[in-house]
């Protein structure tokens, strides 16, 4: 499964301060289809010092379709757009499944 490979790559090397961890099922196993993520606020911006949480939900056809992401609580940012499906960030709008 692609998410297993991506988790291994993430654990080896990811941007400092960023968090992406699969949730756990009731039986204690990893749920690779549902991740808890967080993005640190960039230095020198109004978001500096913040850690902005968002779950990422993957569909069975991932990577053909992008994950669903929604900042919780909602985040005001010029590149985050509210929608009925959740917040859509520019990187998701330009999503490609090429690895």
C-alpha atoms as a PDB file:
ATOM      1  CA  UNK A   1       0.000   0.000   0.000  1.00  0.00           C
ATOM      2  CA  UNK A   2       1.272   3.426  -0.938  1.00  0.00           C
ATOM      3  CA  UNK A   3       0.565   4.957   2.483  1.00  0.00           C
ATOM      4  CA  UNK A   4       2.915   2.450   4.146  1.00  0.00           C
ATOM      5  CA  UNK A   5       5.735   3.628   1.865  1.00  0.00           C
ATOM      6  CA  UNK A   6       4.890   7.272   2.445  1.00  0.00           C
ATOM      7  CA  UNK A   7       4.818   6.796   6.224  1.00  0.00           C
ATOM      8  CA  UNK A   8       8.297   5.223   6.106  1.00  0.00           C
ATOM      9  CA  UNK A   9       9.623   8.096   3.978  1.00  0.00           C
ATOM     10  CA  UNK A  10       8.008  10.668   6.307  1.00  0.00           C
ATOM     11  CA  UNK A  11       9.512   9.082   9.406  1.00  0.00           C
ATOM     12  CA  UNK A  12      12.977   9.187   7.795  1.00  0.00           C
ATOM     13  CA  UNK A  13      12.782  12.791   6.643  1.00  0.00           C
ATOM     14  CA  UNK A  14      10.153  15.487   7.173  1.00  0.00           C
ATOM     15  CA  UNK A  15      10.159  19.248   7.751  1.00  0.00           C
ATOM     16  CA  UNK A  16      11.040  20.297  11.305  1.00  0.00           C
ATOM     17  CA  UNK A  17       7.973  20.934  13.460  1.00  0.00           C
ATOM     18  CA  UNK A  18       5.502  19.239  11.129  1.00  0.00           C
ATOM     19  CA  UNK A  19       3.482  16.297  12.479  1.00  0.00           C
ATOM     20  CA  UNK A  20       1.755  13.463  10.591  1.00  0.00           C
ATOM     21  CA  UNK A  21       0.737  10.357  12.541  1.00  0.00           C
ATOM     22  CA  UNK A  22      -1.774   7.645  11.617  1.00  0.00           C
ATOM     23  CA  UNK A  23      -4.568   7.276  14.167  1.00  0.00           C
ATOM     24  CA  UNK A  24      -5.178   4.000  15.989  1.00  0.00           C
ATOM     25  CA  UNK A  25      -8.109   1.644  15.566  1.00  0.00           C
ATOM     26  CA  UNK A  26      -9.975   0.476  18.700  1.00  0.00           C
ATOM     27  CA  UNK A  27      -7.870  -2.727  18.660  1.00  0.00           C
ATOM     28  CA  UNK A  28      -4.640  -0.685  18.772  1.00  0.00           C
ATOM     29  CA  UNK A  29      -3.602  -1.219  15.140  1.00  0.00           C
ATOM     30  CA  UNK A  30      -2.700   1.749  12.924  1.00  0.00           C
ATOM     31  CA  UNK A  31      -5.387   3.288  10.749  1.00  0.00           C
ATOM     32  CA  UNK A  32      -3.407   4.443   7.721  1.00  0.00           C
ATOM     33  CA  UNK A  33      -6.562   5.950   6.187  1.00  0.00           C
ATOM     34  CA  UNK A  34      -6.903   8.560   8.957  1.00  0.00           C
ATOM     35  CA  UNK A  35      -3.962  10.715  10.068  1.00  0.00           C
ATOM     36  CA  UNK A  36      -3.578  13.455  12.682  1.00  0.00           C
ATOM     37  CA  UNK A  37      -1.394  16.218  11.286  1.00  0.00           C
ATOM     38  CA  UNK A  38      -0.124  19.610  12.398  1.00  0.00           C
ATOM     39  CA  UNK A  39       1.672  22.427  10.628  1.00  0.00           C
ATOM     40  CA  UNK A  40       3.784  24.993  12.521  1.00  0.00           C
ATOM     41  CA  UNK A  41       3.229  28.686  11.862  1.00  0.00           C
ATOM     42  CA  UNK A  42       5.966  30.262   9.775  1.00  0.00           C
ATOM     43  CA  UNK A  43       8.409  32.592  11.511  1.00  0.00           C
ATOM     44  CA  UNK A  44       7.800  36.277  10.861  1.00  0.00           C
ATOM     45  CA  UNK A  45       4.107  35.834  10.015  1.00  0.00           C
ATOM     46  CA  UNK A  46       0.944  36.313  12.079  1.00  0.00           C
ATOM     47  CA  UNK A  47       0.868  32.489  12.414  1.00  0.00           C
ATOM     48  CA  UNK A  48       4.326  32.291  14.063  1.00  0.00           C
ATOM     49  CA  UNK A  49       4.270  30.217  17.254  1.00  0.00           C
ATOM     50  CA  UNK A  50       1.073  28.397  16.318  1.00  0.00           C
ATOM     51  CA  UNK A  51       0.657  24.697  15.625  1.00  0.00           C
ATOM     52  CA  UNK A  52      -2.276  24.237  13.284  1.00  0.00           C
ATOM     53  CA  UNK A  53      -3.991  20.856  13.469  1.00  0.00           C
ATOM     54  CA  UNK A  54      -5.808  19.095  10.679  1.00  0.00           C
ATOM     55  CA  UNK A  55      -6.924  15.527  10.177  1.00  0.00           C
ATOM     56  CA  UNK A  56      -6.187  13.904   6.802  1.00  0.00           C
ATOM     57  CA  UNK A  57      -8.681  11.314   5.608  1.00  0.00           C
ATOM     58  CA  UNK A  58      -7.663   9.085   2.715  1.00  0.00           C
ATOM     59  CA  UNK A  59     -10.068   7.230   0.417  1.00  0.00           C
ATOM     60  CA  UNK A  60      -9.512   3.675  -0.780  1.00  0.00           C
ATOM     61  CA  UNK A  61      -8.550   4.978  -4.236  1.00  0.00           C
ATOM     62  CA  UNK A  62      -5.629   7.054  -2.870  1.00  0.00           C
ATOM     63  CA  UNK A  63      -3.394   8.244  -4.529  1.00  0.00           C
ATOM     64  CA  UNK A  64      -5.800   8.714  -7.447  1.00  0.00           C
ATOM     65  CA  UNK A  65      -7.817  11.088  -5.272  1.00  0.00           C
ATOM     66  CA  UNK A  66      -6.337  13.531  -2.743  1.00  0.00           C
ATOM     67  CA  UNK A  67      -6.857  13.259   1.011  1.00  0.00           C
ATOM     68  CA  UNK A  68      -9.583  15.327   2.649  1.00  0.00           C
ATOM     69  CA  UNK A  69      -8.088  17.942   4.994  1.00  0.00           C
ATOM     70  CA  UNK A  70      -9.811  20.391   7.320  1.00  0.00           C
ATOM     71  CA  UNK A  71      -8.112  22.657   9.834  1.00  0.00           C
ATOM     72  CA  UNK A  72      -9.565  22.262  13.321  1.00  0.00           C
ATOM     73  CA  UNK A  73     -10.413  24.845  14.475  1.00  0.00           C
ATOM     74  CA  UNK A  74     -10.903  26.647  11.139  1.00  0.00           C
ATOM     75  CA  UNK A  75      -7.881  28.703  10.102  1.00  0.00           C
ATOM     76  CA  UNK A  76      -7.898  32.119   8.490  1.00  0.00           C
ATOM     77  CA  UNK A  77      -5.191  32.136   5.833  1.00  0.00           C
ATOM     78  CA  UNK A  78      -5.169  33.491   2.256  1.00  0.00           C
ATOM     79  CA  UNK A  79      -4.413  30.010   0.847  1.00  0.00           C
ATOM     80  CA  UNK A  80      -7.067  28.123   2.826  1.00  0.00           C
ATOM     81  CA  UNK A  81     -10.564  28.143   1.398  1.00  0.00           C
ATOM     82  CA  UNK A  82     -13.682  26.973   3.256  1.00  0.00           C
ATOM     83  CA  UNK A  83     -15.865  24.443   1.452  1.00  0.00           C
ATOM     84  CA  UNK A  84     -18.548  21.914   2.327  1.00  0.00           C
ATOM     85  CA  UNK A  85     -15.954  19.137   2.045  1.00  0.00           C
ATOM     86  CA  UNK A  86     -13.481  20.881   4.349  1.00  0.00           C
ATOM     87  CA  UNK A  87     -10.684  23.368   3.879  1.00  0.00           C
ATOM     88  CA  UNK A  88      -8.936  23.124   0.563  1.00  0.00           C
ATOM     89  CA  UNK A  89      -5.317  24.247   0.558  1.00  0.00           C
ATOM     90  CA  UNK A  90      -3.503  25.248  -2.619  1.00  0.00           C
ATOM     91  CA  UNK A  91      -1.335  22.106  -2.560  1.00  0.00           C
ATOM     92  CA  UNK A  92      -4.483  19.975  -2.557  1.00  0.00           C
ATOM     93  CA  UNK A  93      -5.990  22.004  -5.413  1.00  0.00           C
ATOM     94  CA  UNK A  94      -2.944  21.223  -7.549  1.00  0.00           C
ATOM     95  CA  UNK A  95      -2.786  17.615  -6.343  1.00  0.00           C
ATOM     96  CA  UNK A  96      -1.120  14.948  -8.468  1.00  0.00           C
ATOM     97  CA  UNK A  97      -0.709  11.267  -7.628  1.00  0.00           C
ATOM     98  CA  UNK A  98       2.759  11.089  -9.215  1.00  0.00           C
ATOM     99  CA  UNK A  99       5.322   9.890  -6.657  1.00  0.00           C
END
